[in-house]
Amino acid sequence: MIEPVKLDVFSGAVASEPLYLEDLSPGQKLSFGDYHVTREEIIDFASRYDPQPFHLDDAAAAANPLLGKLCASGMHTMSMSHLLQMRGFAKVGINPLAGAGMDELRLYRPVFPGDTIHSEIEITQTREIRSKADRGLLDYLTTVLNQHGEKVMTYRSTLFMARRSPRN
């Protein structure tokens, strides 16, 4: 059973023993790493995947009444958070079989060059799959925070997870 923990996901070894669906329960929390966001990375990601002016150009971003300066794409922020989660999951032994979906993505504030984000998850539900006794579903809420502890994004995810002892 995992306990609430903050992990440095950029150093150290991965877990030697895998966790199964039965090892996880609603209310458990994990906090994953710190990711420093650079101007160059924001522009590179945006030029490839979200080429909006406020992600690419300082003057265009300054003219935007909602943002005021260059900021990361929401998809970039989600991708950075996902990287932190996957590294953190490996550290504690959570080995998803596959993703089953993401819902309710919300953006609360921009992520700017020089910000440092971290990702926190709270397990909200575990579910058996009646037709597939060897696996189940893990639901969790992700909250992404900046270096000031301000919420920048939330989203819900569901993963397929192996079960330790499938029901008979």
Protein backbone atom coordinates (compact mmCIF):
# COMPACT_ATOMS: atom_id res chain seq x y z
CA MET A 1 0.00 0.00 0.00
CA ILE A 2 1.46 3.38 -0.95
CA GLU A 3 1.39 6.28 1.45
CA PRO A 4 1.29 10.00 0.61
CA VAL A 5 4.76 10.89 -0.59
CA LYS A 6 6.63 13.54 -2.59
CA LEU A 7 9.06 12.05 -5.07
CA ASP A 8 12.12 13.44 -6.81
CA VAL A 9 11.38 11.73 -10.11
CA PHE A 10 14.61 12.76 -11.82
CA SER A 11 16.97 10.74 -9.64
CA GLY A 12 17.20 7.28 -8.16
CA ALA A 13 16.10 3.81 -9.16
CA VAL A 14 12.69 2.49 -10.05
CA ALA A 15 10.70 0.21 -7.76
CA SER A 16 11.73 -3.44 -7.79
CA GLU A 17 8.24 -4.73 -6.96
CA PRO A 18 5.17 -3.75 -8.98
CA LEU A 19 2.01 -2.46 -7.37
CA TYR A 20 -1.29 -3.97 -8.41
CA LEU A 21 -4.78 -2.52 -8.43
CA GLU A 22 -5.41 -4.05 -4.97
CA ASP A 23 -2.46 -2.09 -3.54
CA LEU A 24 -4.09 1.25 -4.38
CA SER A 25 -7.11 2.85 -2.77
CA PRO A 26 -9.13 6.06 -2.90
CA GLY A 27 -7.61 8.93 -0.97
CA GLN A 28 -3.99 7.95 -1.53
CA LYS A 29 -1.88 10.87 -2.78
CA LEU A 30 1.45 11.22 -4.55
CA SER A 31 3.38 14.37 -5.42
CA PHE A 32 5.80 14.17 -8.32
CA GLY A 33 9.02 16.07 -8.85
CA ASP A 34 9.74 19.58 -10.01
CA TYR A 35 9.97 20.57 -13.65
CA HIS A 36 11.63 23.86 -14.57
CA VAL A 37 10.04 25.43 -17.66
CA THR A 38 12.25 27.31 -20.12
CA ARG A 39 11.39 29.88 -22.76
CA GLU A 40 13.13 27.79 -25.41
CA GLU A 41 11.10 24.70 -24.56
CA ILE A 42 7.83 26.68 -24.65
CA ILE A 43 8.62 28.02 -28.12
CA ASP A 44 9.85 24.64 -29.39
CA PHE A 45 6.71 22.80 -28.21
CA ALA A 46 4.40 25.51 -29.55
CA SER A 47 6.11 25.65 -32.93
CA ARG A 48 5.56 21.89 -33.29
CA TYR A 49 2.14 21.37 -31.71
CA ASP A 50 0.33 24.61 -30.78
CA PRO A 51 1.54 27.47 -33.00
CA GLN A 52 -0.47 30.28 -31.46
CA PRO A 53 1.24 33.71 -31.34
CA PHE A 54 1.17 34.01 -27.53
CA HIS A 55 3.19 30.76 -27.27
CA LEU A 56 5.72 31.82 -29.91
CA ASP A 57 6.33 35.56 -29.77
CA ASP A 58 6.94 37.94 -26.86
CA ALA A 59 5.28 40.94 -28.55
CA ALA A 60 2.17 38.98 -29.49
CA ALA A 61 1.96 37.55 -25.98
CA ALA A 62 2.36 41.02 -24.43
CA ALA A 63 -0.57 42.24 -26.54
CA ASN A 64 -2.84 39.45 -25.28
CA PRO A 65 -5.08 40.93 -22.54
CA LEU A 66 -5.44 37.58 -20.74
CA LEU A 67 -1.77 36.54 -20.67
CA GLY A 68 0.54 39.56 -20.98
CA LYS A 69 3.64 37.52 -21.71
CA LEU A 70 4.83 34.36 -23.41
CA CYS A 71 3.37 31.23 -21.80
CA ALA A 72 3.30 27.46 -22.25
CA SER A 73 0.53 25.79 -24.18
CA GLY A 74 -1.98 23.94 -22.02
CA MET A 75 -1.07 20.77 -23.90
CA HIS A 76 2.59 21.42 -23.10
CA THR A 77 1.74 21.83 -19.41
CA MET A 78 -0.21 18.58 -19.49
CA SER A 79 2.68 16.82 -21.24
CA MET A 80 5.20 18.02 -18.63
CA SER A 81 2.86 16.86 -15.86
CA HIS A 82 2.42 13.49 -17.55
CA LEU A 83 6.20 13.05 -17.76
CA LEU A 84 6.47 13.71 -14.01
CA GLN A 85 3.70 11.18 -13.33
CA MET A 86 5.15 8.41 -15.49
CA ARG A 87 8.58 8.78 -13.86
CA GLY A 88 6.96 8.91 -10.43
CA PHE A 89 4.79 5.87 -11.13
CA ALA A 90 7.91 3.90 -12.10
CA LYS A 91 9.57 4.90 -8.80
CA VAL A 92 6.73 3.52 -6.68
CA GLY A 93 5.93 0.52 -8.88
CA ILE A 94 2.73 1.66 -10.60
CA ASN A 95 2.94 0.04 -14.04
CA PRO A 96 -0.16 0.91 -16.06
CA LEU A 97 -1.19 -1.57 -18.73
CA ALA A 98 -2.58 1.29 -20.83
CA GLY A 99 -4.46 4.54 -20.56
CA ALA A 100 -8.26 4.38 -20.70
CA GLY A 101 -9.04 8.10 -20.89
CA MET A 102 -8.62 11.63 -19.63
CA ASP A 103 -11.47 13.99 -18.75
CA GLU A 104 -12.26 17.39 -17.33
CA LEU A 105 -9.01 19.17 -18.22
CA ARG A 106 -9.13 22.67 -16.70
CA LEU A 107 -6.64 25.52 -17.05
CA TYR A 108 -6.48 27.94 -14.09
CA ARG A 109 -3.43 30.08 -14.79
CA PRO A 110 -0.65 30.27 -17.36
CA VAL A 111 2.75 28.65 -16.99
CA PHE A 112 5.50 31.14 -17.85
CA PRO A 113 9.20 30.75 -18.67
CA GLY A 114 11.09 30.32 -15.41
CA ASP A 115 8.18 28.67 -13.60
CA THR A 116 8.69 25.33 -11.88
CA ILE A 117 5.72 23.00 -11.84
CA HIS A 118 4.99 19.80 -9.99
CA SER A 119 2.19 17.30 -10.32
CA GLU A 120 0.08 15.78 -7.58
CA ILE A 121 -2.37 12.93 -7.93
CA GLU A 122 -5.13 11.67 -5.68
CA ILE A 123 -6.58 8.24 -6.33
CA THR A 124 -10.35 8.59 -6.56
CA GLN A 125 -11.52 5.07 -7.41
CA THR A 126 -10.41 1.53 -8.21
CA ARG A 127 -12.72 -0.76 -10.19
CA GLU A 128 -12.73 -4.39 -11.24
CA ILE A 129 -13.55 -5.25 -14.83
CA ARG A 130 -16.03 -8.12 -14.62
CA SER A 131 -15.26 -9.44 -18.10
CA LYS A 132 -11.47 -9.35 -17.56
CA ALA A 133 -10.53 -10.73 -14.14
CA ASP A 134 -6.80 -10.06 -14.57
CA ARG A 135 -7.19 -6.27 -14.76
CA GLY A 136 -9.08 -3.31 -13.39
CA LEU A 137 -9.34 0.46 -13.66
CA LEU A 138 -7.57 3.11 -11.60
CA ASP A 139 -9.11 6.60 -11.56
CA TYR A 140 -7.21 9.62 -10.27
CA LEU A 141 -7.28 13.41 -10.22
CA THR A 142 -4.14 15.29 -11.26
CA THR A 143 -3.43 18.78 -9.95
CA VAL A 144 -0.54 20.74 -11.43
CA LEU A 145 0.91 23.52 -9.25
CA ASN A 146 3.52 26.19 -9.87
CA GLN A 147 6.39 27.16 -7.57
CA HIS A 148 4.04 29.44 -5.58
CA GLY A 149 1.66 26.57 -4.84
CA GLU A 150 -0.91 28.02 -7.25
CA LYS A 151 -3.08 25.59 -9.17
CA VAL A 152 -2.39 25.85 -12.91
CA MET A 153 -4.26 22.78 -14.23
CA THR A 154 -6.38 19.81 -13.22
CA TYR A 155 -7.51 16.73 -15.13
CA ARG A 156 -8.91 13.28 -14.42
CA SER A 157 -7.34 10.09 -15.75
CA THR A 158 -8.21 6.42 -15.90
CA LEU A 159 -5.63 3.65 -16.34
CA PHE A 160 -5.89 -0.08 -16.89
CA MET A 161 -3.97 -1.83 -14.10
CA ALA A 162 -3.07 -5.48 -13.52
CA ARG A 163 -4.72 -7.25 -10.61
CA ARG A 164 -2.66 -9.37 -8.23
CA SER A 165 -5.28 -12.02 -7.58
CA PRO A 166 -8.03 -12.15 -10.14
CA ARG A 167 -11.34 -13.29 -8.74
CA ASN A 168 -12.38 -16.86 -9.46
